[in-house]
Protein backbone atom coordinates (compact mmCIF):
# COMPACT_ATOMS: atom_id res chain seq x y z
CA MET A 1 0.00 0.00 0.00
CA PHE A 2 1.35 3.37 -1.06
CA LEU A 3 0.91 6.91 0.23
CA LEU A 4 1.70 9.51 -2.42
CA ASP A 5 3.40 12.70 -1.26
CA THR A 6 2.61 16.02 -2.89
CA ASN A 7 5.46 15.83 -5.39
CA HIS A 8 4.40 12.42 -6.75
CA CYS A 9 0.77 13.55 -6.95
CA SER A 10 1.96 16.59 -8.91
CA TYR A 11 4.08 14.41 -11.21
CA ALA A 12 1.06 12.19 -11.92
CA ILE A 13 -1.23 15.18 -12.52
CA LEU A 14 1.32 16.70 -14.90
CA GLY A 15 1.63 13.41 -16.80
CA ASN A 16 5.11 12.20 -15.78
CA ILE A 17 5.53 8.94 -17.70
CA GLN A 18 7.57 7.15 -15.01
CA VAL A 19 5.02 7.85 -12.29
CA LEU A 20 2.02 7.05 -14.51
CA GLU A 21 3.56 3.76 -15.68
CA HIS A 22 4.32 2.79 -12.09
CA LEU A 23 0.75 3.56 -11.08
CA ALA A 24 -0.58 1.53 -14.03
CA ASN A 25 1.57 -1.47 -13.09
CA LEU A 26 0.42 -1.63 -9.47
CA GLY A 27 -2.75 -3.56 -10.21
CA ASP A 28 -4.92 -3.89 -7.10
CA GLU A 29 -2.46 -2.16 -4.73
CA LEU A 30 -4.05 0.59 -2.65
CA ILE A 31 -2.92 4.02 -3.81
CA ALA A 32 -3.66 6.78 -1.34
CA THR A 33 -2.72 10.19 -0.12
CA CYS A 34 -3.78 12.13 2.96
CA THR A 35 -5.61 15.31 3.88
CA ILE A 36 -2.33 17.18 4.32
CA VAL A 37 -1.27 16.42 0.72
CA LYS A 38 -4.75 17.29 -0.54
CA GLY A 39 -4.43 20.66 1.19
CA GLU A 40 -1.00 21.29 -0.33
CA LEU A 41 -2.28 20.44 -3.82
CA ILE A 42 -5.29 22.74 -3.45
CA ASP A 43 -3.04 25.53 -2.18
CA MET A 44 -0.73 25.20 -5.19
CA ALA A 45 -3.67 25.24 -7.61
CA ALA A 46 -5.42 28.14 -5.85
CA ARG A 47 -2.29 30.28 -6.14
CA SER A 48 -1.64 29.37 -9.78
CA GLN A 49 -2.41 31.54 -12.81
CA GLN A 50 -4.96 28.98 -14.04
CA ARG A 51 -6.73 28.60 -10.71
CA GLN A 52 -10.06 27.10 -11.81
CA ALA A 53 -8.56 24.69 -14.36
CA ASN A 54 -5.91 23.48 -11.91
CA LEU A 55 -8.39 23.06 -9.06
CA ALA A 56 -10.61 20.96 -11.36
CA LEU A 57 -7.59 18.89 -12.45
CA ILE A 58 -6.67 18.16 -8.83
CA GLN A 59 -10.23 17.23 -7.90
CA ARG A 60 -10.39 14.76 -10.82
CA PHE A 61 -7.07 13.23 -9.77
CA LEU A 62 -8.09 12.88 -6.12
CA VAL A 63 -11.31 11.04 -7.02
CA GLY A 64 -9.16 8.01 -7.86
CA LEU A 65 -7.32 7.96 -4.53
CA TYR A 66 -8.20 7.00 -1.00
CA ILE A 67 -7.52 10.00 1.25
CA TYR A 68 -6.42 9.14 4.77
CA PRO A 69 -7.78 11.54 7.38
CA ILE A 70 -5.93 12.99 10.34
CA ASP A 71 -7.27 11.70 13.66
CA GLY A 72 -6.28 11.41 17.30
CA THR A 73 -3.94 8.50 16.66
CA THR A 74 -2.22 10.48 13.89
CA ALA A 75 -1.79 13.38 16.31
CA ASP A 76 -0.21 11.10 18.92
CA ILE A 77 2.25 9.72 16.36
CA TYR A 78 2.98 13.23 15.05
CA GLY A 79 3.69 14.59 18.55
CA ASN A 80 6.03 11.75 19.46
CA LEU A 81 7.73 11.92 16.06
CA LYS A 82 8.28 15.66 16.31
CA ALA A 83 9.75 15.27 19.81
CA ALA A 84 12.08 12.52 18.56
CA VAL A 85 13.18 14.68 15.61
CA PHE A 86 13.96 17.53 18.02
CA ASP A 87 15.90 15.15 20.28
CA ARG A 88 18.00 14.03 17.33
CA TYR A 89 18.56 17.25 15.38
CA ALA A 90 17.93 20.30 17.62
CA PRO A 91 20.69 22.07 19.50
CA LYS A 92 21.37 20.59 22.93
CA ASP A 93 21.63 24.00 24.61
CA LYS A 94 18.22 24.65 26.26
CA ALA A 95 18.08 28.35 25.34
CA GLN A 96 18.89 27.64 21.68
CA ARG A 97 16.52 24.68 21.65
CA ARG A 98 13.57 26.85 22.79
CA ARG A 99 14.22 29.28 19.92
CA THR A 100 14.47 26.51 17.32
CA ASN A 101 11.51 25.50 15.20
CA ILE A 102 11.18 22.35 13.14
CA THR A 103 11.72 24.07 9.78
CA GLN A 104 15.09 25.33 11.03
CA LEU A 105 16.03 21.66 11.36
CA GLY A 106 15.31 21.12 7.66
CA ILE A 107 11.99 19.36 8.15
CA GLY A 108 8.58 20.76 7.25
CA GLU A 109 5.63 20.58 9.64
CA ASN A 110 3.44 19.09 6.93
CA ASP A 111 6.05 16.43 6.21
CA LEU A 112 5.90 15.32 9.84
CA TRP A 113 2.12 14.93 9.53
CA ILE A 114 2.49 12.99 6.27
CA ALA A 115 5.10 10.70 7.85
CA ALA A 116 2.77 10.18 10.83
CA VAL A 117 0.01 9.00 8.46
CA ALA A 118 2.44 6.60 6.75
CA LEU A 119 3.55 5.23 10.13
CA GLN A 120 0.01 4.95 11.48
CA HIS A 121 -1.24 2.91 8.54
CA GLN A 122 2.05 1.13 7.74
CA LEU A 123 2.18 2.59 4.23
CA THR A 124 5.12 3.04 1.88
CA LEU A 125 5.57 6.78 1.40
CA VAL A 126 6.32 7.67 -2.22
CA THR A 127 8.27 10.93 -2.45
CA THR A 128 11.38 12.67 -3.69
CA ASP A 129 11.48 14.95 -0.63
CA GLN A 130 14.72 14.69 1.34
CA ASP A 131 12.95 15.69 4.58
CA PHE A 132 11.57 12.20 4.87
CA GLN A 133 15.00 10.56 4.88
CA ARG A 134 15.88 12.65 7.93
CA ILE A 135 12.60 11.68 9.60
CA GLN A 136 13.20 8.03 8.64
CA ALA A 137 16.54 8.14 10.47
CA VAL A 138 14.60 8.92 13.66
CA GLN A 139 11.63 6.56 13.10
CA PRO A 140 11.98 3.92 10.38
CA PHE A 141 9.20 3.57 7.81
CA ASP A 142 9.07 2.48 4.17
CA LEU A 143 10.09 5.12 1.67
CA GLU A 144 10.57 5.05 -2.08
CA SER A 145 10.58 7.23 -5.18
CA TRP A 146 9.19 6.30 -8.58
CA LEU A 147 11.57 8.63 -10.40
């Protein structure tokens, strides 16, 4: 079972042959994304020059995917994961640590949520984002790219 990150959803929407062929060859495998990725895709389309056309394109693409929601269990995993990432990568000095946010550690907030969904449902996260390799070093989960 695969969880597509925003970049792989975008590649599929834009017609990347490698990603589309991989999707076509999966057969009955569950292909999914999550509410965080859906939000990122809608944001990108809403800020584009062809807003209406891009929003419609994204909605058509998402119809074919299962979209995992964020729930209390996801929040628990996210909180523990974020704390573990801070333990591994944040400065050890308490004063510096309090002034450090997660993006300063090279990891996006949304990526932590996406990783939490993958961990919660034991999904293989499909992405080209390097953030996830840093998260994976803290909490192992399956990760691959179709490019």
